[in-house]
PDB file of all heavy atoms in Angstrom:
ATOM      1  N   GLN A   1      77.118 -86.146 129.769  1.00  0.00           N
ATOM      2  CA  GLN A   1      78.202 -86.733 130.550  1.00  0.00           C
ATOM      3  C   GLN A   1      79.329 -85.723 130.783  1.00  0.00           C
ATOM      4  O   GLN A   1      80.515 -86.006 130.599  1.00  0.00           O
ATOM      5  CB  GLN A   1      78.724 -88.006 129.873  1.00  0.00           C
ATOM      6  CG  GLN A   1      77.682 -89.113 129.811  1.00  0.00           C
ATOM      7  CD  GLN A   1      78.198 -90.397 129.200  1.00  0.00           C
ATOM      8  OE1 GLN A   1      79.235 -90.420 128.522  1.00  0.00           O
ATOM      9  NE2 GLN A   1      77.484 -91.489 129.420  1.00  0.00           N
ATOM     10  N   ASP A   2      78.917 -84.511 131.180  1.00  0.00           N
ATOM     11  CA  ASP A   2      79.842 -83.430 131.561  1.00  0.00           C
ATOM     12  C   ASP A   2      80.733 -82.957 130.411  1.00  0.00           C
ATOM     13  O   ASP A   2      81.825 -82.408 130.649  1.00  0.00           O
ATOM     14  CB  ASP A   2      80.718 -83.841 132.749  1.00  0.00           C
ATOM     15  CG  ASP A   2      79.907 -84.094 134.007  1.00  0.00           C
ATOM     16  OD1 ASP A   2      78.872 -83.435 134.177  1.00  0.00           O
ATOM     17  OD2 ASP A   2      80.298 -84.965 134.819  1.00  0.00           O
ATOM     18  N   ARG A   3      80.282 -83.148 129.176  1.00  0.00           N
ATOM     19  CA  ARG A   3      81.027 -82.655 128.012  1.00  0.00           C
ATOM     20  C   ARG A   3      80.052 -81.950 127.079  1.00  0.00           C
ATOM     21  O   ARG A   3      78.866 -82.272 127.037  1.00  0.00           O
ATOM     22  CB  ARG A   3      81.715 -83.793 127.255  1.00  0.00           C
ATOM     23  CG  ARG A   3      82.556 -84.718 128.098  1.00  0.00           C
ATOM     24  CD  ARG A   3      83.738 -84.048 128.731  1.00  0.00           C
ATOM     25  NE  ARG A   3      84.789 -83.730 127.765  1.00  0.00           N
ATOM     26  CZ  ARG A   3      85.955 -83.205 128.103  1.00  0.00           C
ATOM     27  NH1 ARG A   3      86.207 -82.926 129.379  1.00  0.00           N
ATOM     28  NH2 ARG A   3      86.869 -82.947 127.192  1.00  0.00           N
ATOM     29  N   PRO A   4      80.523 -80.974 126.286  1.00  0.00           N
ATOM     30  CA  PRO A   4      79.633 -80.320 125.320  1.00  0.00           C
ATOM     31  C   PRO A   4      79.035 -81.328 124.344  1.00  0.00           C
ATOM     32  O   PRO A   4      79.708 -82.277 123.903  1.00  0.00           O
ATOM     33  CB  PRO A   4      80.559 -79.334 124.601  1.00  0.00           C
ATOM     34  CG  PRO A   4      81.663 -79.079 125.567  1.00  0.00           C
ATOM     35  CD  PRO A   4      81.870 -80.383 126.290  1.00  0.00           C
ATOM     36  N   CYS A   5      77.766 -81.132 124.000  1.00  0.00           N
ATOM     37  CA  CYS A   5      77.061 -82.049 123.100  1.00  0.00           C
ATOM     38  C   CYS A   5      76.115 -81.240 122.219  1.00  0.00           C
ATOM     39  O   CYS A   5      75.315 -80.456 122.721  1.00  0.00           O
ATOM     40  CB  CYS A   5      76.280 -83.083 123.904  1.00  0.00           C
ATOM     41  SG  CYS A   5      75.195 -84.123 122.896  1.00  0.00           S
ATOM     42  N   GLU A   6      76.211 -81.434 120.905  1.00  0.00           N
ATOM     43  CA  GLU A   6      75.327 -80.754 119.959  1.00  0.00           C
ATOM     44  C   GLU A   6      74.547 -81.755 119.114  1.00  0.00           C
ATOM     45  O   GLU A   6      74.123 -81.461 118.002  1.00  0.00           O
ATOM     46  CB  GLU A   6      76.141 -79.823 119.061  1.00  0.00           C
ATOM     47  CG  GLU A   6      76.867 -78.720 119.831  1.00  0.00           C
ATOM     48  CD  GLU A   6      77.608 -77.752 118.929  1.00  0.00           C
ATOM     49  OE1 GLU A   6      77.290 -77.684 117.725  1.00  0.00           O
ATOM     50  OE2 GLU A   6      78.524 -77.069 119.432  1.00  0.00           O
ATOM     51  N   ALA A   7      74.328 -82.953 119.675  1.00  0.00           N
ATOM     52  CA  ALA A   7      73.695 -84.023 118.908  1.00  0.00           C
ATOM     53  C   ALA A   7      72.283 -83.667 118.448  1.00  0.00           C
ATOM     54  O   ALA A   7      71.820 -84.176 117.418  1.00  0.00           O
ATOM     55  CB  ALA A   7      73.663 -85.309 119.744  1.00  0.00           C
ATOM     56  N   CYS A   8      71.590 -82.801 119.187  1.00  0.00           N
ATOM     57  CA  CYS A   8      70.200 -82.485 118.846  1.00  0.00           C
ATOM     58  C   CYS A   8      70.031 -81.163 118.095  1.00  0.00           C
ATOM     59  O   CYS A   8      68.931 -80.845 117.648  1.00  0.00           O
ATOM     60  CB  CYS A   8      69.341 -82.451 120.115  1.00  0.00           C
ATOM     61  SG  CYS A   8      69.041 -84.077 120.833  1.00  0.00           S
ATOM     62  N   VAL A   9      71.100 -80.396 117.976  1.00  0.00           N
ATOM     63  CA  VAL A   9      70.994 -79.083 117.342  1.00  0.00           C
ATOM     64  C   VAL A   9      70.591 -79.238 115.878  1.00  0.00           C
ATOM     65  O   VAL A   9      71.230 -79.973 115.112  1.00  0.00           O
ATOM     66  CB  VAL A   9      72.316 -78.305 117.442  1.00  0.00           C
ATOM     67  CG1 VAL A   9      72.212 -76.968 116.702  1.00  0.00           C
ATOM     68  CG2 VAL A   9      72.685 -78.070 118.901  1.00  0.00           C
ATOM     69  N   GLY A  10      69.510 -78.549 115.485  1.00  0.00           N
ATOM     70  CA  GLY A  10      69.045 -78.583 114.105  1.00  0.00           C
ATOM     71  C   GLY A  10      68.114 -79.735 113.779  1.00  0.00           C
ATOM     72  O   GLY A  10      67.535 -79.777 112.689  1.00  0.00           O
ATOM     73  N   ARG A  11      67.935 -80.682 114.691  1.00  0.00           N
ATOM     74  CA  ARG A  11      67.040 -81.813 114.451  1.00  0.00           C
ATOM     75  C   ARG A  11      65.607 -81.428 114.800  1.00  0.00           C
ATOM     76  O   ARG A  11      65.339 -80.894 115.880  1.00  0.00           O
ATOM     77  CB  ARG A  11      67.450 -83.022 115.307  1.00  0.00           C
ATOM     78  CG  ARG A  11      68.744 -83.689 114.879  1.00  0.00           C
ATOM     79  CD  ARG A  11      69.076 -84.809 115.849  1.00  0.00           C
ATOM     80  NE  ARG A  11      70.268 -85.542 115.449  1.00  0.00           N
ATOM     81  CZ  ARG A  11      70.239 -86.712 114.826  1.00  0.00           C
ATOM     82  NH1 ARG A  11      69.074 -87.270 114.523  1.00  0.00           N
ATOM     83  NH2 ARG A  11      71.352 -87.334 114.499  1.00  0.00           N
ATOM     84  N   ARG A  12      64.681 -81.740 113.903  1.00  0.00           N
ATOM     85  CA  ARG A  12      63.271 -81.468 114.195  1.00  0.00           C
ATOM     86  C   ARG A  12      62.779 -82.338 115.352  1.00  0.00           C
ATOM     87  O   ARG A  12      61.962 -81.905 116.156  1.00  0.00           O
ATOM     88  CB  ARG A  12      62.409 -81.701 112.951  1.00  0.00           C
ATOM     89  CG  ARG A  12      62.648 -80.678 111.851  1.00  0.00           C
ATOM     90  CD  ARG A  12      61.709 -80.883 110.670  1.00  0.00           C
ATOM     91  NE  ARG A  12      61.915 -79.846 109.666  1.00  0.00           N
ATOM     92  CZ  ARG A  12      61.341 -78.647 109.682  1.00  0.00           C
ATOM     93  NH1 ARG A  12      60.504 -78.348 110.664  1.00  0.00           N
ATOM     94  NH2 ARG A  12      61.583 -77.758 108.752  1.00  0.00           N
ATOM     95  N   VAL A  13      63.243 -83.566 115.401  1.00  0.00           N
ATOM     96  CA  VAL A  13      62.896 -84.474 116.490  1.00  0.00           C
ATOM     97  C   VAL A  13      64.181 -84.787 117.253  1.00  0.00           C
ATOM     98  O   VAL A  13      65.153 -85.263 116.668  1.00  0.00           O
ATOM     99  CB  VAL A  13      62.253 -85.771 115.955  1.00  0.00           C
ATOM    100  CG1 VAL A  13      61.880 -86.680 117.123  1.00  0.00           C
ATOM    101  CG2 VAL A  13      61.022 -85.458 115.108  1.00  0.00           C
ATOM    102  N   LYS A  14      64.173 -84.533 118.547  1.00  0.00           N
ATOM    103  CA  LYS A  14      65.391 -84.650 119.354  1.00  0.00           C
ATOM    104  C   LYS A  14      65.578 -86.083 119.850  1.00  0.00           C
ATOM    105  O   LYS A  14      65.659 -86.364 121.057  1.00  0.00           O
ATOM    106  CB  LYS A  14      65.333 -83.674 120.533  1.00  0.00           C
ATOM    107  CG  LYS A  14      64.923 -82.250 120.170  1.00  0.00           C
ATOM    108  CD  LYS A  14      65.895 -81.599 119.207  1.00  0.00           C
ATOM    109  CE  LYS A  14      65.561 -80.129 118.978  1.00  0.00           C
ATOM    110  NZ  LYS A  14      66.435 -79.489 117.994  1.00  0.00           N
ATOM    111  N   LEU A  15      65.716 -87.023 118.926  1.00  0.00           N
ATOM    112  CA  LEU A  15      65.806 -88.433 119.276  1.00  0.00           C
ATOM    113  C   LEU A  15      67.052 -88.785 120.095  1.00  0.00           C
ATOM    114  O   LEU A  15      66.977 -89.633 120.999  1.00  0.00           O
ATOM    115  CB  LEU A  15      65.749 -89.298 118.015  1.00  0.00           C
ATOM    116  CG  LEU A  15      64.366 -89.450 117.381  1.00  0.00           C
ATOM    117  CD1 LEU A  15      64.458 -90.301 116.125  1.00  0.00           C
ATOM    118  CD2 LEU A  15      63.376 -90.051 118.369  1.00  0.00           C
ATOM    119  N   PRO A  16      68.223 -88.185 119.805  1.00  0.00           N
ATOM    120  CA  PRO A  16      69.388 -88.540 120.640  1.00  0.00           C
ATOM    121  C   PRO A  16      69.138 -88.307 122.130  1.00  0.00           C
ATOM    122  O   PRO A  16      69.537 -89.130 122.966  1.00  0.00           O
ATOM    123  CB  PRO A  16      70.495 -87.629 120.098  1.00  0.00           C
ATOM    124  CG  PRO A  16      70.108 -87.394 118.675  1.00  0.00           C
ATOM    125  CD  PRO A  16      68.612 -87.294 118.688  1.00  0.00           C
ATOM    126  N   ALA A  17      68.475 -87.202 122.461  1.00  0.00           N
ATOM    127  CA  ALA A  17      68.202 -86.913 123.877  1.00  0.00           C
ATOM    128  C   ALA A  17      67.232 -87.928 124.467  1.00  0.00           C
ATOM    129  O   ALA A  17      67.387 -88.357 125.619  1.00  0.00           O
ATOM    130  CB  ALA A  17      67.634 -85.502 124.017  1.00  0.00           C
ATOM    131  N   VAL A  18      66.220 -88.327 123.692  1.00  0.00           N
ATOM    132  CA  VAL A  18      65.247 -89.309 124.182  1.00  0.00           C
ATOM    133  C   VAL A  18      65.938 -90.645 124.446  1.00  0.00           C
ATOM    134  O   VAL A  18      65.733 -91.275 125.483  1.00  0.00           O
ATOM    135  CB  VAL A  18      64.094 -89.477 123.175  1.00  0.00           C
ATOM    136  CG1 VAL A  18      63.121 -90.552 123.653  1.00  0.00           C
ATOM    137  CG2 VAL A  18      63.349 -88.153 122.982  1.00  0.00           C
ATOM    138  N   LYS A  19      66.768 -91.065 123.517  1.00  0.00           N
ATOM    139  CA  LYS A  19      67.475 -92.340 123.680  1.00  0.00           C
ATOM    140  C   LYS A  19      68.380 -92.323 124.916  1.00  0.00           C
ATOM    141  O   LYS A  19      68.529 -93.331 125.607  1.00  0.00           O
ATOM    142  CB  LYS A  19      68.294 -92.646 122.432  1.00  0.00           C
ATOM    143  CG  LYS A  19      67.444 -92.956 121.197  1.00  0.00           C
ATOM    144  CD  LYS A  19      68.320 -93.178 119.976  1.00  0.00           C
ATOM    145  CE  LYS A  19      67.486 -93.484 118.742  1.00  0.00           C
ATOM    146  NZ  LYS A  19      68.337 -93.634 117.525  1.00  0.00           N
ATOM    147  N   ARG A  20      68.967 -91.177 125.195  1.00  0.00           N
ATOM    148  CA  ARG A  20      69.905 -91.077 126.323  1.00  0.00           C
ATOM    149  C   ARG A  20      69.222 -90.731 127.648  1.00  0.00           C
ATOM    150  O   ARG A  20      69.873 -90.626 128.676  1.00  0.00           O
ATOM    151  CB  ARG A  20      70.953 -90.003 126.022  1.00  0.00           C
ATOM    152  CG  ARG A  20      71.854 -90.329 124.842  1.00  0.00           C
ATOM    153  CD  ARG A  20      72.668 -89.104 124.463  1.00  0.00           C
ATOM    154  NE  ARG A  20      73.641 -89.403 123.418  1.00  0.00           N
ATOM    155  CZ  ARG A  20      74.406 -88.480 122.815  1.00  0.00           C
ATOM    156  NH1 ARG A  20      74.299 -87.199 123.188  1.00  0.00           N
ATOM    157  NH2 ARG A  20      75.255 -88.818 121.882  1.00  0.00           N
ATOM    158  N   ARG A  21      67.906 -90.470 127.598  1.00  0.00           N
ATOM    159  CA  ARG A  21      67.159 -90.059 128.803  1.00  0.00           C
ATOM    160  C   ARG A  21      67.772 -88.799 129.417  1.00  0.00           C
ATOM    161  O   ARG A  21      67.992 -88.703 130.635  1.00  0.00           O
ATOM    162  CB  ARG A  21      67.153 -91.188 129.842  1.00  0.00           C
ATOM    163  CG  ARG A  21      66.499 -92.483 129.385  1.00  0.00           C
ATOM    164  CD  ARG A  21      66.576 -93.521 130.499  1.00  0.00           C
ATOM    165  NE  ARG A  21      65.818 -94.728 130.178  1.00  0.00           N
ATOM    166  CZ  ARG A  21      66.330 -95.778 129.540  1.00  0.00           C
ATOM    167  NH1 ARG A  21      67.609 -95.749 129.156  1.00  0.00           N
ATOM    168  NH2 ARG A  21      65.584 -96.834 129.289  1.00  0.00           N
ATOM    169  N   CYS A  22      68.045 -87.801 128.596  1.00  0.00           N
ATOM    170  CA  CYS A  22      68.791 -86.630 129.061  1.00  0.00           C
ATOM    171  C   CYS A  22      68.031 -85.789 130.080  1.00  0.00           C
ATOM    172  O   CYS A  22      68.636 -85.222 130.991  1.00  0.00           O
ATOM    173  CB  CYS A  22      69.169 -85.758 127.858  1.00  0.00           C
ATOM    174  SG  CYS A  22      70.460 -86.456 126.816  1.00  0.00           S
ATOM    175  N   TYR A  23      66.713 -85.674 129.955  1.00  0.00           N
ATOM    176  CA  TYR A  23      65.933 -84.770 130.806  1.00  0.00           C
ATOM    177  C   TYR A  23      65.444 -85.538 132.034  1.00  0.00           C
ATOM    178  O   TYR A  23      64.636 -86.456 131.939  1.00  0.00           O
ATOM    179  CB  TYR A  23      64.757 -84.204 130.005  1.00  0.00           C
ATOM    180  CG  TYR A  23      63.976 -83.113 130.707  1.00  0.00           C
ATOM    181  CD1 TYR A  23      64.599 -81.952 131.149  1.00  0.00           C
ATOM    182  CD2 TYR A  23      62.607 -83.239 130.906  1.00  0.00           C
ATOM    183  CE1 TYR A  23      63.889 -80.949 131.778  1.00  0.00           C
ATOM    184  CE2 TYR A  23      61.878 -82.239 131.528  1.00  0.00           C
ATOM    185  CZ  TYR A  23      62.527 -81.097 131.970  1.00  0.00           C
ATOM    186  OH  TYR A  23      61.814 -80.101 132.596  1.00  0.00           O
ATOM    187  N   HIS A  24      65.946 -85.165 133.197  1.00  0.00           N
ATOM    188  CA  HIS A  24      65.597 -85.799 134.473  1.00  0.00           C
ATOM    189  C   HIS A  24      65.846 -87.302 134.462  1.00  0.00           C
ATOM    190  O   HIS A  24      65.145 -88.054 135.160  1.00  0.00           O
ATOM    191  CB  HIS A  24      64.134 -85.515 134.837  1.00  0.00           C
ATOM    192  CG  HIS A  24      63.863 -84.071 135.162  1.00  0.00           C
ATOM    193  ND1 HIS A  24      64.697 -83.305 135.939  1.00  0.00           N
ATOM    194  CD2 HIS A  24      62.843 -83.246 134.777  1.00  0.00           C
ATOM    195  CE1 HIS A  24      64.207 -82.085 136.042  1.00  0.00           C
ATOM    196  NE2 HIS A  24      63.097 -82.016 135.340  1.00  0.00           N
ATOM    197  N   ALA A  25      66.810 -87.760 133.635  1.00  0.00           N
ATOM    198  CA  ALA A  25      67.160 -89.183 133.554  1.00  0.00           C
ATOM    199  C   ALA A  25      65.941 -90.057 133.266  1.00  0.00           C
ATOM    200  O   ALA A  25      65.872 -91.215 133.685  1.00  0.00           O
ATOM    201  CB  ALA A  25      67.843 -89.642 134.842  1.00  0.00           C
ATOM    202  N   SER A  26      64.981 -89.508 132.528  1.00  0.00           N
ATOM    203  CA  SER A  26      63.733 -90.208 132.243  1.00  0.00           C
ATOM    204  C   SER A  26      63.429 -90.146 130.756  1.00  0.00           C
ATOM    205  O   SER A  26      63.398 -89.049 130.169  1.00  0.00           O
ATOM    206  CB  SER A  26      62.583 -89.572 133.028  1.00  0.00           C
ATOM    207  OG  SER A  26      61.335 -89.966 132.510  1.00  0.00           O
ATOM    208  N   ARG A  27      63.186 -91.306 130.153  1.00  0.00           N
ATOM    209  CA  ARG A  27      62.835 -91.312 128.737  1.00  0.00           C
ATOM    210  C   ARG A  27      61.480 -90.649 128.507  1.00  0.00           C
ATOM    211  O   ARG A  27      61.295 -89.916 127.538  1.00  0.00           O
ATOM    212  CB  ARG A  27      62.822 -92.746 128.201  1.00  0.00           C
ATOM    213  CG  ARG A  27      62.518 -92.846 126.708  1.00  0.00           C
ATOM    214  CD  ARG A  27      62.905 -94.198 126.158  1.00  0.00           C
ATOM    215  NE  ARG A  27      64.365 -94.349 126.125  1.00  0.00           N
ATOM    216  CZ  ARG A  27      64.983 -95.495 125.905  1.00  0.00           C
ATOM    217  NH1 ARG A  27      64.291 -96.605 125.741  1.00  0.00           N
ATOM    218  NH2 ARG A  27      66.304 -95.544 125.886  1.00  0.00           N
ATOM    219  N   ALA A  28      60.521 -90.877 129.420  1.00  0.00           N
ATOM    220  CA  ALA A  28      59.196 -90.283 129.264  1.00  0.00           C
ATOM    221  C   ALA A  28      59.259 -88.761 129.381  1.00  0.00           C
ATOM    222  O   ALA A  28      58.659 -88.034 128.577  1.00  0.00           O
ATOM    223  CB  ALA A  28      58.236 -90.855 130.300  1.00  0.00           C
ATOM    224  N   ALA A  29      59.991 -88.264 130.386  1.00  0.00           N
ATOM    225  CA  ALA A  29      60.108 -86.815 130.567  1.00  0.00           C
ATOM    226  C   ALA A  29      60.847 -86.176 129.397  1.00  0.00           C
ATOM    227  O   ALA A  29      60.467 -85.102 128.916  1.00  0.00           O
ATOM    228  CB  ALA A  29      60.827 -86.506 131.876  1.00  0.00           C
ATOM    229  N   THR A  30      61.894 -86.845 128.919  1.00  0.00           N
ATOM    230  CA  THR A  30      62.644 -86.318 127.779  1.00  0.00           C
ATOM    231  C   THR A  30      61.774 -86.311 126.529  1.00  0.00           C
ATOM    232  O   THR A  30      61.804 -85.364 125.737  1.00  0.00           O
ATOM    233  CB  THR A  30      63.912 -87.145 127.525  1.00  0.00           C
ATOM    234  OG1 THR A  30      64.659 -87.257 128.737  1.00  0.00           O
ATOM    235  CG2 THR A  30      64.783 -86.480 126.464  1.00  0.00           C
ATOM    236  N   ALA A  31      60.973 -87.362 126.350  1.00  0.00           N
ATOM    237  CA  ALA A  31      60.082 -87.424 125.190  1.00  0.00           C
ATOM    238  C   ALA A  31      59.050 -86.304 125.228  1.00  0.00           C
ATOM    239  O   ALA A  31      58.705 -85.724 124.192  1.00  0.00           O
ATOM    240  CB  ALA A  31      59.386 -88.781 125.137  1.00  0.00           C
ATOM    241  N   ALA A  32      58.541 -85.979 126.418  1.00  0.00           N
ATOM    242  CA  ALA A  32      57.577 -84.883 126.539  1.00  0.00           C
ATOM    243  C   ALA A  32      58.214 -83.557 126.146  1.00  0.00           C
ATOM    244  O   ALA A  32      57.622 -82.755 125.411  1.00  0.00           O
ATOM    245  CB  ALA A  32      57.030 -84.820 127.965  1.00  0.00           C
ATOM    246  N   MET A  33      59.431 -83.310 126.634  1.00  0.00           N
ATOM    247  CA  MET A  33      60.103 -82.062 126.290  1.00  0.00           C
ATOM    248  C   MET A  33      60.443 -82.021 124.807  1.00  0.00           C
ATOM    249  O   MET A  33      60.247 -81.002 124.127  1.00  0.00           O
ATOM    250  CB  MET A  33      61.363 -81.902 127.139  1.00  0.00           C
ATOM    251  CG  MET A  33      62.106 -80.591 126.905  1.00  0.00           C
ATOM    252  SD  MET A  33      61.124 -79.123 127.334  1.00  0.00           S
ATOM    253  CE  MET A  33      61.154 -79.246 129.127  1.00  0.00           C
ATOM    254  N   ALA A  34      60.970 -83.132 124.280  1.00  0.00           N
ATOM    255  CA  ALA A  34      61.309 -83.186 122.861  1.00  0.00           C
ATOM    256  C   ALA A  34      60.057 -83.028 122.001  1.00  0.00           C
ATOM    257  O   ALA A  34      60.081 -82.342 120.967  1.00  0.00           O
ATOM    258  CB  ALA A  34      61.999 -84.515 122.539  1.00  0.00           C
ATOM    259  N   GLY A  35      58.957 -83.642 122.429  1.00  0.00           N
ATOM    260  CA  GLY A  35      57.701 -83.498 121.690  1.00  0.00           C
ATOM    261  C   GLY A  35      57.202 -82.067 121.684  1.00  0.00           C
ATOM    262  O   GLY A  35      56.682 -81.579 120.668  1.00  0.00           O
ATOM    263  N   SER A  36      57.361 -81.385 122.805  1.00  0.00           N
ATOM    264  CA  SER A  36      56.965 -79.978 122.872  1.00  0.00           C
ATOM    265  C   SER A  36      57.767 -79.141 121.887  1.00  0.00           C
ATOM    266  O   SER A  36      57.216 -78.304 121.160  1.00  0.00           O
ATOM    267  CB  SER A  36      57.158 -79.447 124.295  1.00  0.00           C
ATOM    268  OG  SER A  36      56.876 -78.066 124.363  1.00  0.00           O
ATOM    269  N   LEU A  37      59.079 -79.358 121.854  1.00  0.00           N
ATOM    270  CA  LEU A  37      59.926 -78.597 120.937  1.00  0.00           C
ATOM    271  C   LEU A  37      59.544 -78.858 119.481  1.00  0.00           C
ATOM    272  O   LEU A  37      59.471 -77.929 118.663  1.00  0.00           O
ATOM    273  CB  LEU A  37      61.394 -78.949 121.171  1.00  0.00           C
ATOM    274  CG  LEU A  37      61.978 -78.533 122.527  1.00  0.00           C
ATOM    275  CD1 LEU A  37      63.378 -79.108 122.708  1.00  0.00           C
ATOM    276  CD2 LEU A  37      62.000 -77.016 122.663  1.00  0.00           C
ATOM    277  N   THR A  38      59.277 -80.109 119.143  1.00  0.00           N
ATOM    278  CA  THR A  38      58.895 -80.455 117.769  1.00  0.00           C
ATOM    279  C   THR A  38      57.555 -79.837 117.403  1.00  0.00           C
ATOM    280  O   THR A  38      57.392 -79.250 116.318  1.00  0.00           O
ATOM    281  CB  THR A  38      58.820 -81.987 117.618  1.00  0.00           C
ATOM    282  OG1 THR A  38      60.100 -82.548 117.890  1.00  0.00           O
ATOM    283  CG2 THR A  38      58.401 -82.374 116.208  1.00  0.00           C
ATOM    284  N   LEU A  39      56.571 -79.959 118.302  1.00  0.00           N
ATOM    285  CA  LEU A  39      55.240 -79.417 118.045  1.00  0.00           C
ATOM    286  C   LEU A  39      55.278 -77.907 117.848  1.00  0.00           C
ATOM    287  O   LEU A  39      54.700 -77.370 116.891  1.00  0.00           O
ATOM    288  CB  LEU A  39      54.313 -79.775 119.202  1.00  0.00           C
ATOM    289  CG  LEU A  39      52.909 -79.144 119.172  1.00  0.00           C
ATOM    290  CD1 LEU A  39      52.133 -79.660 117.971  1.00  0.00           C
ATOM    291  CD2 LEU A  39      52.160 -79.439 120.465  1.00  0.00           C
TER     292      LEU A  39
END
């Protein structure tokens, strides 16, 4: 929301981003990216 955010830094699973649909405003797309980072 146009402000700095470090909610996912250091987390093995980036759940805050998934909940907020950060990537392309899509929960599925965000989950795919977050899953890639975790894997």
